[in-house]
């Protein structure tokens, strides 16, 4: 009897552990924490020195928050299928030595109008032009 209870508990634990794991083939939801992977400058991919710039998209898909490289940011979000719009953005006003990454993040979010998620990365586009790439915090 004790052996059967132990096996049942082990099976329950195993099932719960499997449900918490996100495999490479499983889609990562838009409502996640995303870290800036790269942006574009003069048509070239630029990888930031630090992985501090990030956004977190709420589970309701109506708000976002994050850190643009120097200041905390937040705002409203609208999505429909592959369309996305970041709006009503607010930011703290810290004085930053170098705000190049911050400007790229803020401008990229302002102009982004579509997205796709592939292999743990969030690609933000303006039309067909890729403007920002974030990687999932889960990776």
N, C-alpha and C. Protein backbone atom coordinates (compact mmCIF):
# COMPACT_ATOMS: atom_id res chain seq x y z
N UNK A 1 0.83 -1.19 0.00
CA UNK A 1 0.00 0.00 0.00
C UNK A 1 0.88 1.26 0.00
N UNK A 2 1.89 1.29 0.87
CA UNK A 2 2.80 2.44 0.93
C UNK A 2 3.51 2.62 -0.41
N UNK A 3 3.85 1.51 -1.04
CA UNK A 3 4.53 1.58 -2.32
C UNK A 3 3.62 2.21 -3.38
N UNK A 4 2.33 1.85 -3.38
CA UNK A 4 1.38 2.42 -4.34
C UNK A 4 1.20 3.91 -4.11
N UNK A 5 1.12 4.35 -2.87
CA UNK A 5 0.98 5.77 -2.55
C UNK A 5 2.23 6.53 -3.01
N UNK A 6 3.40 5.95 -2.76
CA UNK A 6 4.64 6.58 -3.19
C UNK A 6 4.68 6.73 -4.71
N UNK A 7 4.29 5.69 -5.44
CA UNK A 7 4.28 5.74 -6.90
C UNK A 7 3.30 6.79 -7.39
N UNK A 8 2.12 6.86 -6.75
CA UNK A 8 1.13 7.87 -7.12
C UNK A 8 1.66 9.28 -6.88
N UNK A 9 2.30 9.51 -5.74
CA UNK A 9 2.88 10.83 -5.45
C UNK A 9 4.00 11.17 -6.44
N UNK A 10 4.82 10.20 -6.74
CA UNK A 10 5.90 10.41 -7.71
C UNK A 10 5.33 10.76 -9.09
N UNK A 11 4.27 10.07 -9.50
CA UNK A 11 3.64 10.35 -10.80
C UNK A 11 3.05 11.77 -10.81
N UNK A 12 2.42 12.19 -9.72
CA UNK A 12 1.86 13.55 -9.63
C UNK A 12 2.98 14.59 -9.72
N UNK A 13 4.06 14.36 -8.99
CA UNK A 13 5.19 15.28 -9.03
C UNK A 13 5.75 15.37 -10.44
N UNK A 14 5.93 14.23 -11.08
CA UNK A 14 6.48 14.20 -12.44
C UNK A 14 5.58 14.96 -13.41
N UNK A 15 4.27 14.76 -13.31
CA UNK A 15 3.32 15.44 -14.20
C UNK A 15 3.38 16.95 -13.99
N UNK A 16 3.46 17.40 -12.74
CA UNK A 16 3.55 18.84 -12.47
C UNK A 16 4.86 19.41 -12.94
N UNK A 17 5.94 18.69 -12.77
CA UNK A 17 7.25 19.18 -13.22
C UNK A 17 7.26 19.33 -14.73
N UNK A 18 6.64 18.39 -15.45
CA UNK A 18 6.60 18.47 -16.90
C UNK A 18 5.79 19.67 -17.37
N UNK A 19 4.71 20.02 -16.64
CA UNK A 19 3.88 21.14 -17.07
C UNK A 19 4.58 22.48 -16.85
N UNK A 20 5.57 22.53 -15.99
CA UNK A 20 6.31 23.77 -15.74
C UNK A 20 7.42 24.00 -16.76
N UNK A 21 7.82 22.98 -17.46
CA UNK A 21 8.93 23.07 -18.41
C UNK A 21 8.44 23.63 -19.74
N UNK A 22 9.20 24.55 -20.30
CA UNK A 22 8.89 25.08 -21.63
C UNK A 22 9.94 24.54 -22.59
N UNK A 23 9.50 23.69 -23.50
CA UNK A 23 10.45 23.10 -24.44
C UNK A 23 10.74 24.07 -25.57
N UNK A 24 11.75 23.76 -26.36
CA UNK A 24 12.11 24.61 -27.49
C UNK A 24 10.99 24.67 -28.52
N UNK A 25 10.21 23.60 -28.62
CA UNK A 25 9.15 23.55 -29.62
C UNK A 25 7.86 24.24 -29.15
N UNK A 26 7.76 24.51 -27.85
CA UNK A 26 6.56 25.13 -27.32
C UNK A 26 6.66 26.65 -27.48
N UNK A 27 5.60 27.27 -27.94
CA UNK A 27 5.60 28.71 -28.18
C UNK A 27 5.68 29.47 -26.86
N UNK A 28 6.47 30.51 -26.85
CA UNK A 28 6.55 31.39 -25.70
C UNK A 28 5.50 32.47 -25.89
N UNK A 29 4.67 32.72 -24.89
CA UNK A 29 3.60 33.70 -25.05
C UNK A 29 4.15 35.13 -25.13
N UNK A 30 3.40 35.99 -25.81
CA UNK A 30 3.77 37.40 -25.87
C UNK A 30 3.81 38.00 -24.47
N UNK A 31 2.90 37.57 -23.62
CA UNK A 31 2.85 38.06 -22.24
C UNK A 31 3.98 37.40 -21.44
N UNK A 32 5.16 37.94 -21.59
CA UNK A 32 6.37 37.40 -20.96
C UNK A 32 7.32 38.54 -20.64
N UNK A 33 8.45 38.18 -20.08
CA UNK A 33 9.53 39.13 -19.82
C UNK A 33 10.54 38.99 -20.95
N UNK A 34 10.86 40.11 -21.62
CA UNK A 34 11.73 40.11 -22.80
C UNK A 34 12.93 41.01 -22.56
N UNK A 35 14.10 40.53 -22.91
CA UNK A 35 15.36 41.27 -22.75
C UNK A 35 15.88 41.66 -24.13
N UNK A 36 16.28 42.93 -24.27
CA UNK A 36 16.78 43.41 -25.56
C UNK A 36 17.97 42.58 -26.00
N UNK A 37 17.85 42.01 -27.20
CA UNK A 37 18.92 41.20 -27.76
C UNK A 37 19.76 42.04 -28.73
N UNK A 38 19.09 42.72 -29.66
CA UNK A 38 19.79 43.64 -30.55
C UNK A 38 18.81 44.62 -31.18
N UNK A 39 19.38 45.69 -31.73
CA UNK A 39 18.62 46.70 -32.46
C UNK A 39 19.41 47.04 -33.70
N UNK A 40 18.91 47.97 -34.49
CA UNK A 40 19.58 48.32 -35.74
C UNK A 40 20.01 49.77 -35.73
N UNK A 41 21.21 50.00 -36.28
CA UNK A 41 21.74 51.35 -36.43
C UNK A 41 22.46 51.40 -37.77
N UNK A 42 22.04 52.29 -38.63
CA UNK A 42 22.60 52.40 -39.98
C UNK A 42 22.55 51.06 -40.72
N UNK A 43 21.45 50.33 -40.53
CA UNK A 43 21.26 49.07 -41.21
C UNK A 43 22.04 47.90 -40.65
N UNK A 44 22.78 48.11 -39.56
CA UNK A 44 23.59 47.05 -38.96
C UNK A 44 23.01 46.62 -37.62
N UNK A 45 23.10 45.32 -37.33
CA UNK A 45 22.69 44.82 -36.02
C UNK A 45 23.67 45.33 -34.97
N UNK A 46 23.13 45.85 -33.87
CA UNK A 46 23.95 46.31 -32.77
C UNK A 46 23.53 45.56 -31.52
N UNK A 47 24.49 44.87 -30.90
CA UNK A 47 24.24 44.12 -29.68
C UNK A 47 24.67 44.99 -28.49
N UNK A 48 23.75 45.28 -27.57
CA UNK A 48 24.12 46.14 -26.44
C UNK A 48 25.15 45.47 -25.54
N UNK A 49 25.98 46.30 -24.89
CA UNK A 49 27.01 45.79 -23.98
C UNK A 49 26.38 45.12 -22.76
N UNK A 50 25.21 45.59 -22.39
CA UNK A 50 24.55 45.07 -21.19
C UNK A 50 23.20 44.50 -21.57
N UNK A 51 22.72 43.58 -20.80
CA UNK A 51 21.41 42.97 -21.02
C UNK A 51 20.37 43.60 -20.09
N UNK A 52 20.49 44.89 -19.83
CA UNK A 52 19.58 45.51 -18.87
C UNK A 52 18.28 46.01 -19.48
N UNK A 53 18.29 46.40 -20.75
CA UNK A 53 17.06 46.91 -21.36
C UNK A 53 16.08 45.75 -21.53
N UNK A 54 14.84 45.95 -21.09
CA UNK A 54 13.86 44.88 -21.11
C UNK A 54 12.44 45.42 -21.10
N UNK A 55 11.51 44.57 -21.49
CA UNK A 55 10.09 44.88 -21.35
C UNK A 55 9.38 43.65 -20.80
N UNK A 56 8.34 43.90 -20.04
CA UNK A 56 7.46 42.85 -19.55
C UNK A 56 6.06 43.18 -20.04
N UNK A 57 5.47 42.26 -20.75
CA UNK A 57 4.13 42.46 -21.29
C UNK A 57 3.15 41.73 -20.37
N UNK A 58 2.13 42.46 -19.93
CA UNK A 58 1.17 41.91 -18.96
C UNK A 58 0.38 40.76 -19.56
N UNK A 59 -0.13 39.92 -18.68
CA UNK A 59 -0.91 38.77 -19.13
C UNK A 59 -2.21 39.18 -19.81
N UNK A 60 -2.67 40.41 -19.59
CA UNK A 60 -3.88 40.90 -20.25
C UNK A 60 -3.59 41.41 -21.66
N UNK A 61 -2.31 41.56 -22.00
CA UNK A 61 -1.85 42.11 -23.27
C UNK A 61 -2.34 43.55 -23.49
N UNK A 62 -2.53 44.28 -22.38
CA UNK A 62 -3.01 45.66 -22.48
C UNK A 62 -2.02 46.66 -21.93
N UNK A 63 -0.99 46.19 -21.24
CA UNK A 63 0.01 47.08 -20.64
C UNK A 63 1.39 46.45 -20.74
N UNK A 64 2.39 47.31 -20.65
CA UNK A 64 3.77 46.82 -20.60
C UNK A 64 4.56 47.72 -19.66
N UNK A 65 5.66 47.21 -19.21
CA UNK A 65 6.59 47.98 -18.38
C UNK A 65 7.98 47.47 -18.64
N UNK A 66 8.96 48.17 -18.12
CA UNK A 66 10.32 47.69 -18.31
C UNK A 66 11.36 48.73 -18.00
N UNK A 67 12.51 48.52 -18.59
CA UNK A 67 13.67 49.38 -18.39
C UNK A 67 14.31 49.60 -19.75
N UNK A 68 14.46 50.86 -20.15
CA UNK A 68 14.95 51.16 -21.50
C UNK A 68 16.47 51.31 -21.58
N UNK A 69 17.18 51.13 -20.49
CA UNK A 69 18.63 51.27 -20.50
C UNK A 69 19.11 52.26 -19.47
N UNK A 70 18.24 53.23 -19.15
CA UNK A 70 18.54 54.23 -18.12
C UNK A 70 17.31 54.53 -17.28
N UNK A 71 16.16 54.54 -17.90
CA UNK A 71 14.91 54.89 -17.24
C UNK A 71 13.90 53.76 -17.27
N UNK A 72 13.05 53.74 -16.25
CA UNK A 72 11.94 52.82 -16.20
C UNK A 72 10.86 53.33 -17.14
N UNK A 73 10.25 52.41 -17.90
CA UNK A 73 9.23 52.80 -18.87
C UNK A 73 7.96 51.99 -18.64
N UNK A 74 6.88 52.46 -19.20
CA UNK A 74 5.61 51.75 -19.13
C UNK A 74 4.64 52.36 -20.11
N UNK A 75 3.52 51.68 -20.31
CA UNK A 75 2.52 52.21 -21.20
C UNK A 75 1.45 51.22 -21.53
N UNK A 76 0.63 51.59 -22.50
CA UNK A 76 -0.48 50.77 -22.97
C UNK A 76 -0.04 49.93 -24.16
N UNK A 77 -0.76 48.87 -24.37
CA UNK A 77 -0.44 47.94 -25.44
C UNK A 77 -1.73 47.49 -26.11
N UNK A 78 -1.71 47.42 -27.42
CA UNK A 78 -2.84 46.87 -28.18
C UNK A 78 -2.29 45.81 -29.12
N UNK A 79 -2.94 44.67 -29.15
CA UNK A 79 -2.54 43.60 -30.07
C UNK A 79 -3.77 43.02 -30.76
N UNK A 80 -3.57 42.58 -31.97
CA UNK A 80 -4.60 41.86 -32.72
C UNK A 80 -3.87 41.02 -33.74
N UNK A 81 -3.95 39.70 -33.55
CA UNK A 81 -3.20 38.76 -34.37
C UNK A 81 -1.72 39.13 -34.31
N UNK A 82 -1.08 39.44 -35.43
CA UNK A 82 0.34 39.78 -35.41
C UNK A 82 0.59 41.28 -35.32
N UNK A 83 -0.46 42.07 -35.13
CA UNK A 83 -0.33 43.52 -35.02
C UNK A 83 -0.06 43.89 -33.56
N UNK A 84 0.75 44.93 -33.36
CA UNK A 84 1.06 45.39 -32.01
C UNK A 84 1.23 46.91 -32.03
N UNK A 85 0.82 47.54 -30.94
CA UNK A 85 1.00 48.98 -30.83
C UNK A 85 1.29 49.33 -29.37
N UNK A 86 2.44 49.95 -29.15
CA UNK A 86 2.81 50.46 -27.85
C UNK A 86 2.40 51.94 -27.83
N UNK A 87 1.66 52.36 -26.81
CA UNK A 87 1.20 53.75 -26.78
C UNK A 87 1.19 54.29 -25.35
N UNK A 88 0.90 55.58 -25.25
CA UNK A 88 0.82 56.26 -23.96
C UNK A 88 2.04 55.94 -23.08
N UNK A 89 3.21 55.95 -23.72
CA UNK A 89 4.43 55.59 -22.99
C UNK A 89 4.83 56.68 -22.00
N UNK A 90 5.23 56.23 -20.83
CA UNK A 90 5.75 57.13 -19.79
C UNK A 90 7.12 56.62 -19.39
N UNK A 91 7.91 57.51 -18.82
CA UNK A 91 9.28 57.16 -18.46
C UNK A 91 9.72 58.02 -17.29
N UNK A 92 10.57 57.44 -16.45
CA UNK A 92 11.22 58.28 -15.45
C UNK A 92 12.19 59.18 -16.19
N UNK A 93 12.74 60.17 -15.54
CA UNK A 93 13.57 61.17 -16.23
C UNK A 93 14.98 61.26 -15.63
N UNK A 94 15.62 60.12 -15.45
CA UNK A 94 16.99 60.13 -14.95
C UNK A 94 17.93 60.70 -16.00
N UNK A 95 18.97 61.36 -15.54
CA UNK A 95 20.00 61.86 -16.46
C UNK A 95 20.98 60.72 -16.70
N UNK A 96 21.20 60.42 -17.96
CA UNK A 96 22.02 59.27 -18.32
C UNK A 96 23.24 59.72 -19.11
N UNK A 97 24.37 59.09 -18.83
CA UNK A 97 25.59 59.43 -19.56
C UNK A 97 25.45 59.10 -21.04
N UNK A 98 25.03 57.88 -21.32
CA UNK A 98 24.84 57.46 -22.71
C UNK A 98 23.42 56.94 -22.84
N UNK A 99 22.64 57.58 -23.68
CA UNK A 99 21.26 57.15 -23.82
C UNK A 99 20.97 56.59 -25.21
N UNK A 100 22.00 56.14 -25.91
CA UNK A 100 21.81 55.60 -27.26
C UNK A 100 20.90 54.39 -27.28
N UNK A 101 21.12 53.44 -26.37
CA UNK A 101 20.28 52.25 -26.30
C UNK A 101 18.86 52.65 -25.92
N UNK A 102 18.75 53.52 -24.95
CA UNK A 102 17.42 53.96 -24.51
C UNK A 102 16.64 54.59 -25.66
N UNK A 103 17.28 55.46 -26.41
CA UNK A 103 16.61 56.09 -27.54
C UNK A 103 16.18 55.06 -28.57
N UNK A 104 17.01 54.07 -28.84
CA UNK A 104 16.67 53.02 -29.80
C UNK A 104 15.47 52.20 -29.31
N UNK A 105 15.47 51.86 -28.03
CA UNK A 105 14.36 51.09 -27.46
C UNK A 105 13.06 51.89 -27.53
N UNK A 106 13.09 53.12 -27.05
CA UNK A 106 11.88 53.95 -27.05
C UNK A 106 11.36 54.20 -28.47
N UNK A 107 12.25 54.56 -29.37
CA UNK A 107 11.83 54.80 -30.75
C UNK A 107 11.32 53.53 -31.42
N UNK A 108 11.99 52.42 -31.17
CA UNK A 108 11.55 51.15 -31.74
C UNK A 108 10.16 50.75 -31.26
N UNK A 109 9.90 50.93 -29.96
CA UNK A 109 8.58 50.61 -29.43
C UNK A 109 7.52 51.55 -30.01
N UNK A 110 7.87 52.82 -30.16
CA UNK A 110 6.90 53.80 -30.69
C UNK A 110 6.49 53.48 -32.12
N UNK A 111 7.42 52.99 -32.93
CA UNK A 111 7.11 52.78 -34.35
C UNK A 111 6.68 51.35 -34.68
N UNK A 112 6.89 50.41 -33.77
CA UNK A 112 6.55 49.00 -34.05
C UNK A 112 5.05 48.86 -34.31
N UNK A 113 4.71 48.09 -35.35
CA UNK A 113 3.30 47.86 -35.64
C UNK A 113 2.97 46.38 -35.91
N UNK A 114 3.99 45.53 -35.86
CA UNK A 114 3.74 44.09 -35.97
C UNK A 114 4.84 43.34 -35.25
N UNK A 115 4.56 42.08 -34.97
CA UNK A 115 5.54 41.26 -34.25
C UNK A 115 5.41 39.80 -34.66
N UNK A 116 6.46 39.05 -34.32
CA UNK A 116 6.39 37.59 -34.38
C UNK A 116 7.33 37.05 -33.32
N UNK A 117 7.01 35.86 -32.87
CA UNK A 117 7.84 35.17 -31.88
C UNK A 117 8.35 33.90 -32.53
N UNK A 118 9.68 33.77 -32.58
CA UNK A 118 10.31 32.60 -33.18
C UNK A 118 11.48 32.17 -32.30
N UNK A 119 11.48 30.91 -31.91
CA UNK A 119 12.61 30.36 -31.17
C UNK A 119 13.00 31.13 -29.93
N UNK A 120 12.04 31.63 -29.18
CA UNK A 120 12.34 32.34 -27.95
C UNK A 120 12.73 33.79 -28.15
N UNK A 121 12.52 34.31 -29.36
CA UNK A 121 12.82 35.72 -29.62
C UNK A 121 11.57 36.44 -30.10
N UNK A 122 11.44 37.69 -29.66
CA UNK A 122 10.35 38.57 -30.06
C UNK A 122 10.90 39.57 -31.07
N UNK A 123 10.37 39.52 -32.29
CA UNK A 123 10.80 40.41 -33.36
C UNK A 123 9.74 41.50 -33.53
N UNK A 124 10.16 42.77 -33.42
CA UNK A 124 9.25 43.89 -33.61
C UNK A 124 9.57 44.58 -34.93
N UNK A 125 8.54 44.82 -35.72
CA UNK A 125 8.68 45.39 -37.06
C UNK A 125 7.90 46.69 -37.19
N UNK A 126 8.37 47.52 -38.09
CA UNK A 126 7.57 48.62 -38.63
C UNK A 126 7.39 48.26 -40.09
N UNK A 127 6.17 47.85 -40.44
CA UNK A 127 5.95 47.31 -41.78
C UNK A 127 6.76 46.03 -41.92
N UNK A 128 7.62 45.97 -42.91
CA UNK A 128 8.48 44.79 -43.11
C UNK A 128 9.88 45.00 -42.56
N UNK A 129 10.11 46.19 -41.99
CA UNK A 129 11.44 46.52 -41.48
C UNK A 129 11.56 46.11 -40.01
N UNK A 130 12.53 45.24 -39.73
CA UNK A 130 12.80 44.79 -38.36
C UNK A 130 13.46 45.92 -37.59
N UNK A 131 12.91 46.26 -36.40
CA UNK A 131 13.47 47.39 -35.64
C UNK A 131 14.09 46.98 -34.31
N UNK A 132 13.50 46.01 -33.62
CA UNK A 132 14.04 45.55 -32.33
C UNK A 132 13.88 44.05 -32.22
N UNK A 133 14.83 43.40 -31.54
CA UNK A 133 14.72 41.98 -31.25
C UNK A 133 14.99 41.79 -29.76
N UNK A 134 14.05 41.12 -29.09
CA UNK A 134 14.16 40.78 -27.68
C UNK A 134 14.26 39.27 -27.56
N UNK A 135 14.92 38.80 -26.50
CA UNK A 135 14.96 37.38 -26.24
C UNK A 135 14.19 37.10 -24.96
N UNK A 136 13.58 35.93 -24.90
CA UNK A 136 12.80 35.57 -23.76
C UNK A 136 13.69 35.40 -22.54
N UNK A 137 13.21 35.85 -21.41
CA UNK A 137 13.92 35.67 -20.14
C UNK A 137 14.01 34.19 -19.81
N UNK A 138 13.12 33.40 -20.35
CA UNK A 138 13.07 31.95 -20.08
C UNK A 138 14.22 31.21 -20.73
N UNK A 139 14.83 31.77 -21.76
CA UNK A 139 15.92 31.06 -22.47
C UNK A 139 17.17 31.02 -21.65
